[in-house]
Amino acid sequence: GIYTQGDSVEEIRSNVKEAVDCYFEDTMARPKLIPVHFVR
C-alpha cells in the first residue's frame, strides 16, 4: 500500500525512495532494489 506522485521523472524517483523509507520502520527489512516500471 505505497503510493506517491511527482511532477517530473526526477521527482517521482525521489518520491518513490522517500515513500519506501517512510513505509518501513527501522526494525523492518528494507528492499535492496526498487525497480520502477513506466507504464504507458
All heavy atoms as atom14 arrays in JSON, in Angstrom:
{
  "sequence": "GIYTQGDSVEEIRSNVKEAVDCYFEDTMARPKLIPVHFVR",
  "atom14_mask": [
    [1, 1, 1, 1, 0, 0, 0, 0, 0, 0, 0, 0, 0, 0],
    [1, 1, 1, 1, 1, 1, 1, 1, 0, 0, 0, 0, 0, 0],
    [1, 1, 1, 1, 1, 1, 1, 1, 1, 1, 1, 1, 0, 0],
    [1, 1, 1, 1, 1, 1, 1, 0, 0, 0, 0, 0, 0, 0],
    [1, 1, 1, 1, 1, 1, 1, 1, 1, 0, 0, 0, 0, 0],
    [1, 1, 1, 1, 0, 0, 0, 0, 0, 0, 0, 0, 0, 0],
    [1, 1, 1, 1, 1, 1, 1, 1, 0, 0, 0, 0, 0, 0],
    [1, 1, 1, 1, 1, 1, 0, 0, 0, 0, 0, 0, 0, 0],
    [1, 1, 1, 1, 1, 1, 1, 0, 0, 0, 0, 0, 0, 0],
    [1, 1, 1, 1, 1, 1, 1, 1, 1, 0, 0, 0, 0, 0],
    [1, 1, 1, 1, 1, 1, 1, 1, 1, 0, 0, 0, 0, 0],
    [1, 1, 1, 1, 1, 1, 1, 1, 0, 0, 0, 0, 0, 0],
    [1, 1, 1, 1, 1, 1, 1, 1, 1, 1, 1, 0, 0, 0],
    [1, 1, 1, 1, 1, 1, 0, 0, 0, 0, 0, 0, 0, 0],
    [1, 1, 1, 1, 1, 1, 1, 1, 0, 0, 0, 0, 0, 0],
    [1, 1, 1, 1, 1, 1, 1, 0, 0, 0, 0, 0, 0, 0],
    [1, 1, 1, 1, 1, 1, 1, 1, 1, 0, 0, 0, 0, 0],
    [1, 1, 1, 1, 1, 1, 1, 1, 1, 0, 0, 0, 0, 0],
    [1, 1, 1, 1, 1, 0, 0, 0, 0, 0, 0, 0, 0, 0],
    [1, 1, 1, 1, 1, 1, 1, 0, 0, 0, 0, 0, 0, 0],
    [1, 1, 1, 1, 1, 1, 1, 1, 0, 0, 0, 0, 0, 0],
    [1, 1, 1, 1, 1, 1, 0, 0, 0, 0, 0, 0, 0, 0],
    [1, 1, 1, 1, 1, 1, 1, 1, 1, 1, 1, 1, 0, 0],
    [1, 1, 1, 1, 1, 1, 1, 1, 1, 1, 1, 0, 0, 0],
    [1, 1, 1, 1, 1, 1, 1, 1, 1, 0, 0, 0, 0, 0],
    [1, 1, 1, 1, 1, 1, 1, 1, 0, 0, 0, 0, 0, 0],
    [1, 1, 1, 1, 1, 1, 1, 0, 0, 0, 0, 0, 0, 0],
    [1, 1, 1, 1, 1, 1, 1, 1, 0, 0, 0, 0, 0, 0],
    [1, 1, 1, 1, 1, 0, 0, 0, 0, 0, 0, 0, 0, 0],
    [1, 1, 1, 1, 1, 1, 1, 1, 1, 1, 1, 0, 0, 0],
    [1, 1, 1, 1, 1, 1, 1, 0, 0, 0, 0, 0, 0, 0],
    [1, 1, 1, 1, 1, 1, 1, 1, 1, 0, 0, 0, 0, 0],
    [1, 1, 1, 1, 1, 1, 1, 1, 0, 0, 0, 0, 0, 0],
    [1, 1, 1, 1, 1, 1, 1, 1, 0, 0, 0, 0, 0, 0],
    [1, 1, 1, 1, 1, 1, 1, 0, 0, 0, 0, 0, 0, 0],
    [1, 1, 1, 1, 1, 1, 1, 0, 0, 0, 0, 0, 0, 0],
    [1, 1, 1, 1, 1, 1, 1, 1, 1, 1, 0, 0, 0, 0],
    [1, 1, 1, 1, 1, 1, 1, 1, 1, 1, 1, 0, 0, 0],
    [1, 1, 1, 1, 1, 1, 1, 0, 0, 0, 0, 0, 0, 0],
    [1, 1, 1, 1, 1, 1, 1, 1, 1, 1, 1, 0, 0, 0]
  ],
  "atom14_positions": [
    [[0.81, -1.22, 0.0], [0.0, 0.0, 0.0], [0.85, 1.26, 0.0], [0.69, 2.08, 0.9], [0.0, 0.0, 0.0], [0.0, 0.0, 0.0], [0.0, 0.0, 0.0], [0.0, 0.0, 0.0], [0.0, 0.0, 0.0], [0.0, 0.0, 0.0], [0.0, 0.0, 0.0], [0.0, 0.0, 0.0], [0.0, 0.0, 0.0], [0.0, 0.0, 0.0]],
    [[1.72, 1.39, -0.97], [2.59, 2.57, -1.06], [2.27, 3.3, -2.35], [2.36, 2.72, -3.44], [4.08, 2.19, -1.04], [4.42, 1.35, 0.18], [4.95, 3.45, -1.07], [5.84, 0.84, 0.19], [0.0, 0.0, 0.0], [0.0, 0.0, 0.0], [0.0, 0.0, 0.0], [0.0, 0.0, 0.0], [0.0, 0.0, 0.0], [0.0, 0.0, 0.0]],
    [[1.91, 4.57, -2.23], [1.57, 5.41, -3.39], [2.26, 6.76, -3.26], [2.44, 7.27, -2.15], [0.05, 5.64, -3.44], [-0.74, 4.37, -3.49], [-1.24, 3.79, -2.33], [-0.98, 3.73, -4.69], [-1.94, 2.61, -2.36], [-1.7, 2.54, -4.75], [-2.18, 1.99, -3.57], [-2.87, 0.81, -3.62], [0.0, 0.0, 0.0], [0.0, 0.0, 0.0]],
    [[2.64, 7.34, -4.39], [3.22, 8.66, -4.37], [3.01, 9.32, -5.73], [2.62, 8.66, -6.7], [4.73, 8.62, -4.0], [5.2, 9.95, -3.8], [5.56, 7.93, -5.05], [0.0, 0.0, 0.0], [0.0, 0.0, 0.0], [0.0, 0.0, 0.0], [0.0, 0.0, 0.0], [0.0, 0.0, 0.0], [0.0, 0.0, 0.0], [0.0, 0.0, 0.0]],
    [[3.26, 10.63, -5.79], [3.1, 11.39, -7.04], [4.28, 12.33, -7.21], [4.98, 12.65, -6.25], [1.82, 12.22, -6.99], [0.57, 11.41, -6.9], [-0.67, 12.29, -6.8], [-0.62, 13.38, -6.24], [-1.78, 11.81, -7.32], [0.0, 0.0, 0.0], [0.0, 0.0, 0.0], [0.0, 0.0, 0.0], [0.0, 0.0, 0.0], [0.0, 0.0, 0.0]],
    [[4.48, 12.8, -8.45], [5.52, 13.77, -8.72], [5.25, 14.46, -10.04], [4.55, 13.93, -10.9], [0.0, 0.0, 0.0], [0.0, 0.0, 0.0], [0.0, 0.0, 0.0], [0.0, 0.0, 0.0], [0.0, 0.0, 0.0], [0.0, 0.0, 0.0], [0.0, 0.0, 0.0], [0.0, 0.0, 0.0], [0.0, 0.0, 0.0], [0.0, 0.0, 0.0]],
    [[5.81, 15.65, -10.21], [5.59, 16.43, -11.43], [6.56, 16.07, -12.55], [6.28, 16.35, -13.71], [5.7, 17.93, -11.13], [4.56, 18.42, -10.26], [3.44, 17.87, -10.38], [4.78, 19.35, -9.46], [0.0, 0.0, 0.0], [0.0, 0.0, 0.0], [0.0, 0.0, 0.0], [0.0, 0.0, 0.0], [0.0, 0.0, 0.0], [0.0, 0.0, 0.0]],
    [[7.7, 15.46, -12.22], [8.7, 15.12, -13.23], [9.24, 13.72, -12.94], [9.0, 13.15, -11.87], [9.84, 16.13, -13.21], [10.55, 16.03, -11.98], [0.0, 0.0, 0.0], [0.0, 0.0, 0.0], [0.0, 0.0, 0.0], [0.0, 0.0, 0.0], [0.0, 0.0, 0.0], [0.0, 0.0, 0.0], [0.0, 0.0, 0.0], [0.0, 0.0, 0.0]],
    [[10.0, 13.18, -13.89], [10.6, 11.86, -13.7], [11.57, 11.89, -12.52], [11.6, 10.98, -11.69], [11.3, 11.39, -14.99], [12.09, 10.11, -14.75], [10.29, 11.18, -16.1], [0.0, 0.0, 0.0], [0.0, 0.0, 0.0], [0.0, 0.0, 0.0], [0.0, 0.0, 0.0], [0.0, 0.0, 0.0], [0.0, 0.0, 0.0], [0.0, 0.0, 0.0]],
    [[12.36, 12.96, -12.42], [13.31, 13.07, -11.32], [12.57, 13.12, -9.97], [12.99, 12.49, -9.0], [14.17, 14.34, -11.48], [15.09, 14.3, -12.66], [14.42, 14.64, -13.98], [13.31, 15.24, -13.96], [14.96, 14.28, -15.02], [0.0, 0.0, 0.0], [0.0, 0.0, 0.0], [0.0, 0.0, 0.0], [0.0, 0.0, 0.0], [0.0, 0.0, 0.0]],
    [[11.46, 13.87, -9.93], [10.7, 13.99, -8.69], [10.05, 12.66, -8.31], [10.02, 12.3, -7.13], [9.65, 15.09, -8.8], [8.94, 15.36, -7.5], [7.96, 16.52, -7.57], [7.66, 17.02, -8.67], [7.48, 16.92, -6.5], [0.0, 0.0, 0.0], [0.0, 0.0, 0.0], [0.0, 0.0, 0.0], [0.0, 0.0, 0.0], [0.0, 0.0, 0.0]],
    [[9.53, 11.93, -9.28], [8.88, 10.66, -8.95], [9.91, 9.66, -8.43], [9.64, 8.9, -7.49], [8.05, 10.08, -10.13], [7.05, 9.04, -9.62], [8.9, 9.45, -11.2], [5.96, 9.55, -8.78], [0.0, 0.0, 0.0], [0.0, 0.0, 0.0], [0.0, 0.0, 0.0], [0.0, 0.0, 0.0], [0.0, 0.0, 0.0], [0.0, 0.0, 0.0]],
    [[11.12, 9.68, -8.98], [12.18, 8.8, -8.47], [12.51, 9.12, -7.01], [12.63, 8.23, -6.18], [13.43, 8.94, -9.32], [13.31, 8.3, -10.68], [14.54, 8.53, -11.5], [14.42, 7.91, -12.81], [14.99, 8.38, -13.9], [15.71, 9.48, -13.86], [14.83, 7.76, -15.04], [0.0, 0.0, 0.0], [0.0, 0.0, 0.0], [0.0, 0.0, 0.0]],
    [[12.65, 10.39, -6.72], [12.94, 10.83, -5.36], [11.8, 10.49, -4.41], [12.01, 10.0, -3.29], [13.2, 12.33, -5.35], [13.38, 12.8, -4.05], [0.0, 0.0, 0.0], [0.0, 0.0, 0.0], [0.0, 0.0, 0.0], [0.0, 0.0, 0.0], [0.0, 0.0, 0.0], [0.0, 0.0, 0.0], [0.0, 0.0, 0.0], [0.0, 0.0, 0.0]],
    [[10.56, 10.71, -4.86], [9.4, 10.44, -4.02], [9.2, 8.95, -3.76], [8.74, 8.56, -2.69], [8.15, 11.05, -4.64], [8.15, 12.56, -4.58], [9.01, 13.18, -3.95], [7.21, 13.19, -5.27], [0.0, 0.0, 0.0], [0.0, 0.0, 0.0], [0.0, 0.0, 0.0], [0.0, 0.0, 0.0], [0.0, 0.0, 0.0], [0.0, 0.0, 0.0]],
    [[9.56, 8.12, -4.73], [9.47, 6.67, -4.53], [10.43, 6.24, -3.42], [10.06, 5.5, -2.5], [9.75, 5.91, -5.85], [10.06, 4.43, -5.57], [8.57, 6.02, -6.8], [0.0, 0.0, 0.0], [0.0, 0.0, 0.0], [0.0, 0.0, 0.0], [0.0, 0.0, 0.0], [0.0, 0.0, 0.0], [0.0, 0.0, 0.0], [0.0, 0.0, 0.0]],
    [[11.66, 6.73, -3.47], [12.63, 6.4, -2.42], [12.14, 6.87, -1.05], [12.23, 6.15, -0.06], [13.98, 7.03, -2.72], [14.74, 6.37, -3.84], [16.07, 7.07, -4.02], [16.89, 6.47, -5.11], [18.19, 7.15, -5.25], [0.0, 0.0, 0.0], [0.0, 0.0, 0.0], [0.0, 0.0, 0.0], [0.0, 0.0, 0.0], [0.0, 0.0, 0.0]],
    [[11.62, 8.09, -1.01], [11.12, 8.63, 0.25], [9.94, 7.83, 0.78], [9.83, 7.56, 1.98], [10.72, 10.09, 0.06], [10.26, 10.76, 1.33], [9.88, 12.22, 1.11], [10.3, 12.83, 0.12], [9.15, 12.75, 1.97], [0.0, 0.0, 0.0], [0.0, 0.0, 0.0], [0.0, 0.0, 0.0], [0.0, 0.0, 0.0], [0.0, 0.0, 0.0]],
    [[9.03, 7.42, -0.11], [7.85, 6.65, 0.3], [8.27, 5.29, 0.87], [7.7, 4.83, 1.86], [6.9, 6.47, -0.89], [0.0, 0.0, 0.0], [0.0, 0.0, 0.0], [0.0, 0.0, 0.0], [0.0, 0.0, 0.0], [0.0, 0.0, 0.0], [0.0, 0.0, 0.0], [0.0, 0.0, 0.0], [0.0, 0.0, 0.0], [0.0, 0.0, 0.0]],
    [[9.26, 4.65, 0.26], [9.74, 3.36, 0.77], [10.38, 3.56, 2.14], [10.14, 2.77, 3.06], [10.74, 2.72, -0.22], [11.43, 1.51, 0.4], [10.01, 2.31, -1.5], [0.0, 0.0, 0.0], [0.0, 0.0, 0.0], [0.0, 0.0, 0.0], [0.0, 0.0, 0.0], [0.0, 0.0, 0.0], [0.0, 0.0, 0.0], [0.0, 0.0, 0.0]],
    [[11.17, 4.62, 2.3], [11.78, 4.9, 3.61], [10.72, 5.11, 4.69], [10.88, 4.64, 5.81], [12.68, 6.13, 3.54], [14.0, 5.85, 2.85], [14.39, 4.66, 2.75], [14.65, 6.82, 2.41], [0.0, 0.0, 0.0], [0.0, 0.0, 0.0], [0.0, 0.0, 0.0], [0.0, 0.0, 0.0], [0.0, 0.0, 0.0], [0.0, 0.0, 0.0]],
    [[9.65, 5.81, 4.35], [8.59, 6.08, 5.33], [7.79, 4.82, 5.67], [7.29, 4.68, 6.77], [7.65, 7.15, 4.8], [8.38, 8.79, 4.72], [0.0, 0.0, 0.0], [0.0, 0.0, 0.0], [0.0, 0.0, 0.0], [0.0, 0.0, 0.0], [0.0, 0.0, 0.0], [0.0, 0.0, 0.0], [0.0, 0.0, 0.0], [0.0, 0.0, 0.0]],
    [[7.65, 3.93, 4.71], [6.84, 2.73, 4.88], [7.48, 1.74, 5.86], [6.79, 1.12, 6.66], [6.62, 2.06, 3.53], [5.71, 0.85, 3.56], [4.34, 0.99, 3.61], [6.24, -0.43, 3.52], [3.5, -0.11, 3.63], [5.42, -1.54, 3.53], [4.05, -1.38, 3.59], [3.24, -2.48, 3.59], [0.0, 0.0, 0.0], [0.0, 0.0, 0.0]],
    [[8.79, 1.59, 5.78], [9.48, 0.59, 6.59], [10.0, 1.22, 7.88], [10.7, 2.23, 7.86], [10.64, -0.03, 5.81], [10.18, -0.93, 4.71], [10.05, -0.45, 3.43], [9.86, -2.24, 4.98], [9.62, -1.28, 2.41], [9.42, -3.08, 3.97], [9.3, -2.6, 2.68], [0.0, 0.0, 0.0], [0.0, 0.0, 0.0], [0.0, 0.0, 0.0]],
    [[9.68, 0.58, 8.99], [10.21, 1.01, 10.28], [11.67, 0.58, 10.37], [12.15, -0.25, 9.59], [9.39, 0.38, 11.4], [7.95, 0.83, 11.41], [7.16, 0.17, 12.51], [7.75, -0.51, 13.38], [5.93, 0.32, 12.51], [0.0, 0.0, 0.0], [0.0, 0.0, 0.0], [0.0, 0.0, 0.0], [0.0, 0.0, 0.0], [0.0, 0.0, 0.0]],
    [[12.37, 1.12, 11.34], [13.8, 0.83, 11.49], [14.09, -0.66, 11.7], [15.15, -1.14, 11.31], [14.38, 1.62, 12.66], [14.4, 3.11, 12.38], [14.42, 3.49, 11.19], [14.39, 3.9, 13.34], [0.0, 0.0, 0.0], [0.0, 0.0, 0.0], [0.0, 0.0, 0.0], [0.0, 0.0, 0.0], [0.0, 0.0, 0.0], [0.0, 0.0, 0.0]],
    [[13.17, -1.38, 12.3], [13.4, -2.8, 12.58], [13.01, -3.71, 11.43], [13.29, -4.9, 11.48], [12.61, -3.21, 13.84], [11.22, -2.97, 13.61], [13.08, -2.45, 15.06], [0.0, 0.0, 0.0], [0.0, 0.0, 0.0], [0.0, 0.0, 0.0], [0.0, 0.0, 0.0], [0.0, 0.0, 0.0], [0.0, 0.0, 0.0], [0.0, 0.0, 0.0]],
    [[12.37, -3.18, 10.41], [11.9, -3.99, 9.28], [12.98, -4.08, 8.2], [13.75, -3.15, 8.0], [10.64, -3.37, 8.67], [9.46, -3.32, 9.62], [8.06, -2.41, 8.95], [7.51, -3.52, 7.67], [0.0, 0.0, 0.0], [0.0, 0.0, 0.0], [0.0, 0.0, 0.0], [0.0, 0.0, 0.0], [0.0, 0.0, 0.0], [0.0, 0.0, 0.0]],
    [[13.03, -5.24, 7.53], [13.97, -5.42, 6.43], [13.5, -4.59, 5.23], [12.34, -4.68, 4.82], [14.06, -6.88, 6.05], [0.0, 0.0, 0.0], [0.0, 0.0, 0.0], [0.0, 0.0, 0.0], [0.0, 0.0, 0.0], [0.0, 0.0, 0.0], [0.0, 0.0, 0.0], [0.0, 0.0, 0.0], [0.0, 0.0, 0.0], [0.0, 0.0, 0.0]],
    [[14.38, -3.77, 4.7], [14.05, -2.91, 3.56], [14.51, -3.57, 2.26], [15.47, -4.33, 2.25], [14.76, -1.57, 3.7], [14.3, -0.78, 4.88], [15.19, 0.43, 5.1], [14.77, 1.14, 6.29], [14.03, 2.25, 6.26], [13.68, 2.77, 5.13], [13.66, 2.82, 7.38], [0.0, 0.0, 0.0], [0.0, 0.0, 0.0], [0.0, 0.0, 0.0]],
    [[13.85, -3.24, 1.15], [14.29, -3.79, -0.14], [15.65, -3.21, -0.53], [15.96, -2.06, -0.23], [13.2, -3.34, -1.11], [12.57, -2.16, -0.47], [12.69, -2.36, 1.0], [0.0, 0.0, 0.0], [0.0, 0.0, 0.0], [0.0, 0.0, 0.0], [0.0, 0.0, 0.0], [0.0, 0.0, 0.0], [0.0, 0.0, 0.0], [0.0, 0.0, 0.0]],
    [[16.45, -4.03, -1.2], [17.76, -3.57, -1.67], [17.65, -2.9, -3.03], [18.47, -2.06, -3.37], [18.72, -4.75, -1.72], [19.0, -5.33, -0.35], [19.95, -6.5, -0.43], [19.96, -7.23, 0.87], [21.0, -7.09, 1.72], [0.0, 0.0, 0.0], [0.0, 0.0, 0.0], [0.0, 0.0, 0.0], [0.0, 0.0, 0.0], [0.0, 0.0, 0.0]],
    [[16.65, -3.29, -3.81], [16.43, -2.72, -5.15], [14.99, -2.24, -5.27], [14.08, -2.86, -4.72], [16.7, -3.76, -6.23], [18.11, -4.33, -6.32], [18.13, -5.47, -7.33], [19.09, -3.25, -6.71], [0.0, 0.0, 0.0], [0.0, 0.0, 0.0], [0.0, 0.0, 0.0], [0.0, 0.0, 0.0], [0.0, 0.0, 0.0], [0.0, 0.0, 0.0]],
    [[14.8, -1.16, -6.02], [13.45, -0.64, -6.28], [13.3, -0.45, -7.79], [13.55, 0.63, -8.32], [13.21, 0.69, -5.55], [13.5, 0.57, -4.05], [11.76, 1.16, -5.77], [13.49, 1.89, -3.31], [0.0, 0.0, 0.0], [0.0, 0.0, 0.0], [0.0, 0.0, 0.0], [0.0, 0.0, 0.0], [0.0, 0.0, 0.0], [0.0, 0.0, 0.0]],
    [[12.93, -1.52, -8.51], [12.68, -1.37, -9.95], [11.46, -0.47, -10.18], [10.43, -0.63, -9.52], [12.41, -2.78, -10.44], [12.98, -3.68, -9.38], [12.85, -2.91, -8.1], [0.0, 0.0, 0.0], [0.0, 0.0, 0.0], [0.0, 0.0, 0.0], [0.0, 0.0, 0.0], [0.0, 0.0, 0.0], [0.0, 0.0, 0.0], [0.0, 0.0, 0.0]],
    [[11.58, 0.48, -11.08], [10.5, 1.41, -11.4], [10.13, 1.19, -12.86], [10.94, 1.42, -13.76], [10.93, 2.87, -11.15], [9.83, 3.82, -11.54], [11.33, 3.06, -9.7], [0.0, 0.0, 0.0], [0.0, 0.0, 0.0], [0.0, 0.0, 0.0], [0.0, 0.0, 0.0], [0.0, 0.0, 0.0], [0.0, 0.0, 0.0], [0.0, 0.0, 0.0]],
    [[8.9, 0.72, -13.1], [8.42, 0.42, -14.44], [7.46, 1.52, -14.9], [6.43, 1.73, -14.25], [7.72, -0.94, -14.49], [8.62, -2.08, -14.17], [9.38, -2.69, -15.13], [8.92, -2.69, -12.99], [10.1, -3.65, -14.57], [9.83, -3.66, -13.27], [0.0, 0.0, 0.0], [0.0, 0.0, 0.0], [0.0, 0.0, 0.0], [0.0, 0.0, 0.0]],
    [[7.79, 2.18, -15.99], [6.92, 3.21, -16.54], [5.92, 2.54, -17.47], [6.31, 1.88, -18.43], [7.73, 4.28, -17.27], [8.48, 5.17, -16.33], [9.7, 4.8, -15.81], [7.93, 6.38, -15.94], [10.38, 5.61, -14.93], [8.6, 7.2, -15.04], [9.83, 6.82, -14.55], [0.0, 0.0, 0.0], [0.0, 0.0, 0.0], [0.0, 0.0, 0.0]],
    [[4.63, 2.7, -17.14], [3.55, 2.06, -17.87], [2.91, 3.1, -18.77], [2.56, 4.2, -18.33], [2.49, 1.49, -16.9], [1.36, 0.83, -17.66], [3.13, 0.53, -15.92], [0.0, 0.0, 0.0], [0.0, 0.0, 0.0], [0.0, 0.0, 0.0], [0.0, 0.0, 0.0], [0.0, 0.0, 0.0], [0.0, 0.0, 0.0], [0.0, 0.0, 0.0]],
    [[2.76, 2.76, -20.03], [2.15, 3.68, -20.98], [1.01, 2.99, -21.7], [1.2, 1.97, -22.36], [3.2, 4.13, -21.99], [2.68, 5.1, -22.97], [3.78, 5.58, -23.89], [3.18, 6.01, -25.12], [3.8, 6.12, -26.25], [5.06, 5.8, -26.33], [3.18, 6.51, -27.32], [0.0, 0.0, 0.0], [0.0, 0.0, 0.0], [0.0, 0.0, 0.0]]
  ]
}
